[in-house]
C-alpha atoms as a PDB file:
ATOM      1  CA  MET A   1    -111.651 178.350-161.685  1.00  0.00           C
ATOM      2  CA  ILE A   2    -110.235 181.320-163.619  1.00  0.00           C
ATOM      3  CA  LEU A   3    -109.595 184.560-161.732  1.00  0.00           C
ATOM      4  CA  GLN A   4    -111.774 187.428-162.919  1.00  0.00           C
ATOM      5  CA  THR A   5    -110.275 190.871-163.359  1.00  0.00           C
ATOM      6  CA  HIS A   6    -111.078 193.875-165.533  1.00  0.00           C
ATOM      7  CA  CYS A   7    -107.380 194.345-166.302  1.00  0.00           C
ATOM      8  CA  PRO A   8    -105.079 192.237-168.464  1.00  0.00           C
ATOM      9  CA  ILE A   9    -102.928 189.968-166.283  1.00  0.00           C
ATOM     10  CA  ILE A  10     -99.178 189.675-166.835  1.00  0.00           C
ATOM     11  CA  LEU A  11     -97.698 186.392-165.628  1.00  0.00           C
ATOM     12  CA  PHE A  12     -93.944 186.524-165.140  1.00  0.00           C
ATOM     13  CA  ASP A  13     -91.100 184.381-163.804  1.00  0.00           C
ATOM     14  CA  GLY A  14     -90.669 185.664-160.257  1.00  0.00           C
ATOM     15  CA  GLN A  15     -87.056 184.444-160.104  1.00  0.00           C
ATOM     16  CA  CYS A  16     -85.815 185.990-163.354  1.00  0.00           C
ATOM     17  CA  ASN A  17     -83.908 189.285-163.146  1.00  0.00           C
ATOM     18  CA  LEU A  18     -84.928 190.210-166.709  1.00  0.00           C
ATOM     19  CA  CYS A  19     -88.578 189.687-165.767  1.00  0.00           C
ATOM     20  CA  HIS A  20     -87.989 191.705-162.587  1.00  0.00           C
ATOM     21  CA  PHE A  21     -86.637 194.562-164.716  1.00  0.00           C
ATOM     22  CA  CYS A  22     -89.742 194.327-166.943  1.00  0.00           C
ATOM     23  CA  VAL A  23     -92.032 194.382-163.896  1.00  0.00           C
ATOM     24  CA  GLN A  24     -90.218 197.445-162.522  1.00  0.00           C
ATOM     25  CA  PHE A  25     -90.593 199.105-165.938  1.00  0.00           C
ATOM     26  CA  ILE A  26     -94.341 198.371-165.939  1.00  0.00           C
ATOM     27  CA  LEU A  27     -94.713 199.647-162.365  1.00  0.00           C
ATOM     28  CA  ARG A  28     -93.013 202.876-163.398  1.00  0.00           C
ATOM     29  CA  PHE A  29     -94.964 203.555-166.587  1.00  0.00           C
ATOM     30  CA  ASP A  30     -98.380 201.936-165.981  1.00  0.00           C
ATOM     31  CA  LYS A  31     -99.796 204.992-164.234  1.00  0.00           C
ATOM     32  CA  GLN A  32    -103.442 204.004-164.807  1.00  0.00           C
ATOM     33  CA  ILE A  33    -102.895 200.454-163.486  1.00  0.00           C
ATOM     34  CA  THR A  34    -103.812 198.958-166.843  1.00  0.00           C
ATOM     35  CA  PHE A  35    -102.242 195.621-165.859  1.00  0.00           C
ATOM     36  CA  LYS A  36    -102.335 193.261-162.928  1.00  0.00           C
ATOM     37  CA  LEU A  37     -99.058 191.457-162.290  1.00  0.00           C
ATOM     38  CA  CYS A  38     -98.718 187.908-161.035  1.00  0.00           C
ATOM     39  CA  PRO A  39     -95.632 185.732-160.539  1.00  0.00           C
ATOM     40  CA  MET A  40     -96.054 182.323-162.174  1.00  0.00           C
ATOM     41  CA  GLN A  41     -94.725 180.662-159.026  1.00  0.00           C
ATOM     42  CA  SER A  42     -97.537 182.063-156.846  1.00  0.00           C
ATOM     43  CA  ASP A  43    -100.728 180.130-156.056  1.00  0.00           C
ATOM     44  CA  LYS A  44    -102.767 182.435-158.307  1.00  0.00           C
ATOM     45  CA  GLY A  45    -100.163 182.170-161.055  1.00  0.00           C
ATOM     46  CA  GLU A  46    -100.158 178.389-160.910  1.00  0.00           C
ATOM     47  CA  ARG A  47    -103.980 178.315-161.070  1.00  0.00           C
ATOM     48  CA  LEU A  48    -103.976 180.570-164.138  1.00  0.00           C
ATOM     49  CA  LEU A  49    -101.298 178.474-165.855  1.00  0.00           C
ATOM     50  CA  LYS A  50    -103.330 175.342-165.211  1.00  0.00           C
ATOM     51  CA  ALA A  51    -106.596 176.946-166.357  1.00  0.00           C
ATOM     52  CA  TYR A  52    -104.994 178.073-169.623  1.00  0.00           C
ATOM     53  CA  LYS A  53    -103.127 174.759-170.025  1.00  0.00           C
ATOM     54  CA  VAL A  54     -99.763 176.483-170.444  1.00  0.00           C
ATOM     55  CA  LYS A  55     -96.928 174.043-171.048  1.00  0.00           C
ATOM     56  CA  ASP A  56     -93.381 175.183-170.167  1.00  0.00           C
ATOM     57  CA  PRO A  57     -94.625 178.464-168.634  1.00  0.00           C
ATOM     58  CA  LEU A  58     -91.229 179.816-167.613  1.00  0.00           C
ATOM     59  CA  SER A  59     -90.164 180.073-171.244  1.00  0.00           C
ATOM     60  CA  SER A  60     -92.324 183.150-171.836  1.00  0.00           C
ATOM     61  CA  MET A  61     -93.867 186.146-170.150  1.00  0.00           C
ATOM     62  CA  LEU A  62     -97.620 185.731-170.620  1.00  0.00           C
ATOM     63  CA  VAL A  63    -100.526 188.139-170.863  1.00  0.00           C
ATOM     64  CA  ILE A  64    -104.135 187.135-170.305  1.00  0.00           C
ATOM     65  CA  ASP A  65    -106.648 189.649-171.633  1.00  0.00           C
ATOM     66  CA  ASN A  66    -110.221 188.470-171.120  1.00  0.00           C
ATOM     67  CA  ILE A  67    -109.909 184.910-172.427  1.00  0.00           C
ATOM     68  CA  GLN A  68    -107.077 185.624-174.893  1.00  0.00           C
ATOM     69  CA  LEU A  69    -103.592 184.351-174.013  1.00  0.00           C
ATOM     70  CA  TYR A  70    -100.591 186.184-175.479  1.00  0.00           C
ATOM     71  CA  LYS A  71     -97.133 184.587-175.375  1.00  0.00           C
ATOM     72  CA  GLN A  72     -93.604 185.413-176.451  1.00  0.00           C
ATOM     73  CA  SER A  73     -93.230 188.478-178.680  1.00  0.00           C
ATOM     74  CA  ASP A  74     -97.006 188.947-178.910  1.00  0.00           C
ATOM     75  CA  ALA A  75     -97.140 189.411-175.124  1.00  0.00           C
ATOM     76  CA  VAL A  76     -94.356 192.004-175.157  1.00  0.00           C
ATOM     77  CA  LEU A  77     -95.953 193.922-178.024  1.00  0.00           C
ATOM     78  CA  PHE A  78     -99.370 193.805-176.315  1.00  0.00           C
ATOM     79  CA  ILE A  79     -97.844 195.292-173.151  1.00  0.00           C
ATOM     80  CA  ALA A  80     -95.983 198.017-175.064  1.00  0.00           C
ATOM     81  CA  THR A  81     -99.117 198.954-176.995  1.00  0.00           C
ATOM     82  CA  GLN A  82    -101.206 199.212-173.825  1.00  0.00           C
ATOM     83  CA  LEU A  83     -98.625 201.429-172.100  1.00  0.00           C
ATOM     84  CA  GLY A  84     -99.239 204.093-174.747  1.00  0.00           C
ATOM     85  CA  PHE A  85     -96.858 206.465-176.496  1.00  0.00           C
ATOM     86  CA  PRO A  86     -93.877 206.258-176.857  1.00  0.00           C
ATOM     87  CA  PHE A  87     -93.923 202.512-176.086  1.00  0.00           C
ATOM     88  CA  SER A  88     -96.804 201.833-178.449  1.00  0.00           C
ATOM     89  CA  VAL A  89     -94.439 202.586-181.348  1.00  0.00           C
ATOM     90  CA  ALA A  90     -93.145 199.035-180.754  1.00  0.00           C
ATOM     91  CA  LYS A  91     -96.235 197.725-182.558  1.00  0.00           C
ATOM     92  CA  ALA A  92     -94.249 198.420-185.749  1.00  0.00           C
ATOM     93  CA  PHE A  93     -92.430 195.153-184.922  1.00  0.00           C
ATOM     94  CA  LYS A  94     -95.677 193.350-185.804  1.00  0.00           C
ATOM     95  CA  LEU A  95     -94.603 193.946-189.412  1.00  0.00           C
ATOM     96  CA  LEU A  96     -91.880 191.347-188.840  1.00  0.00           C
ATOM     97  CA  PRO A  97     -92.956 187.713-189.210  1.00  0.00           C
ATOM     98  CA  LYS A  98     -94.136 186.242-185.904  1.00  0.00           C
ATOM     99  CA  GLY A  99     -91.804 183.257-186.301  1.00  0.00           C
ATOM    100  CA  PHE A 100     -88.798 185.574-186.588  1.00  0.00           C
ATOM    101  CA  ARG A 101     -89.877 187.671-183.576  1.00  0.00           C
ATOM    102  CA  ASP A 102     -90.492 184.556-181.489  1.00  0.00           C
ATOM    103  CA  ARG A 103     -87.122 183.001-182.379  1.00  0.00           C
ATOM    104  CA  ILE A 104     -85.384 186.114-181.025  1.00  0.00           C
ATOM    105  CA  TYR A 105     -87.642 186.087-177.954  1.00  0.00           C
ATOM    106  CA  ASP A 106     -86.939 182.383-177.361  1.00  0.00           C
ATOM    107  CA  TRP A 107     -83.183 182.863-177.707  1.00  0.00           C
ATOM    108  CA  VAL A 108     -83.190 185.616-175.080  1.00  0.00           C
ATOM    109  CA  GLY A 109     -85.505 183.491-172.910  1.00  0.00           C
ATOM    110  CA  ARG A 110     -83.210 180.453-173.039  1.00  0.00           C
ATOM    111  CA  HIS A 111     -80.219 182.554-171.935  1.00  0.00           C
ATOM    112  CA  ARG A 112     -81.909 184.993-169.546  1.00  0.00           C
ATOM    113  CA  TYR A 113     -80.584 183.416-166.336  1.00  0.00           C
ATOM    114  CA  ARG A 114     -77.039 183.336-167.718  1.00  0.00           C
ATOM    115  CA  PHE A 115     -77.190 186.956-168.960  1.00  0.00           C
ATOM    116  CA  PHE A 116     -79.286 188.522-166.194  1.00  0.00           C
ATOM    117  CA  GLY A 117     -79.184 186.068-163.275  1.00  0.00           C
ATOM    118  CA  LYS A 118     -81.833 184.814-160.865  1.00  0.00           C
ATOM    119  CA  ARG A 119     -83.470 186.418-157.854  1.00  0.00           C
ATOM    120  CA  THR A 120     -83.619 184.662-154.513  1.00  0.00           C
ATOM    121  CA  GLN A 121     -85.782 187.214-152.740  1.00  0.00           C
ATOM    122  CA  CYS A 122     -88.515 189.649-153.635  1.00  0.00           C
ATOM    123  CA  LYS A 123     -88.239 193.405-153.398  1.00  0.00           C
ATOM    124  CA  LEU A 124     -90.555 195.011-150.874  1.00  0.00           C
ATOM    125  CA  LEU A 125     -93.351 196.889-152.607  1.00  0.00           C
ATOM    126  CA  THR A 126     -94.863 200.238-151.754  1.00  0.00           C
ATOM    127  CA  GLU A 127     -98.622 200.426-151.154  1.00  0.00           C
ATOM    128  CA  LYS A 128     -99.038 202.009-154.597  1.00  0.00           C
ATOM    129  CA  GLN A 129     -97.066 199.201-156.268  1.00  0.00           C
ATOM    130  CA  LYS A 130     -99.135 196.539-154.475  1.00  0.00           C
ATOM    131  CA  GLN A 131    -102.194 197.783-156.387  1.00  0.00           C
ATOM    132  CA  HIS A 132    -100.615 196.399-159.563  1.00  0.00           C
ATOM    133  CA  PHE A 133    -100.552 192.810-158.249  1.00  0.00           C
ATOM    134  CA  LEU A 134    -103.287 190.187-158.076  1.00  0.00           C
END
């Protein structure tokens, strides 16, 4: 069973500090609650990964919009575009070949724990921030 929501869902690695930074960035700038956030390691996250048959999920932040799944650089550019100006300017990176963008994304992804570390505990959320999560 796939979870139904009117907002795009961002699935992220709940242990990754780089992903944590990205989530904090989204919480700060997603004033209209455009996105719902969900750690991949949660029950809901695992159900979504299974429903969308995602292999090696921790290698990419994912966005589910309706039935469309965005991965790697496409997911990041989708998020930036939805956050509006000035972040939507990032869509200019779509001019670069997807293979090139994804190679850079994958390189950062492979080294993210070494560069940014891992989290062992979650930050407590405010009531407003909780609205962003599934």
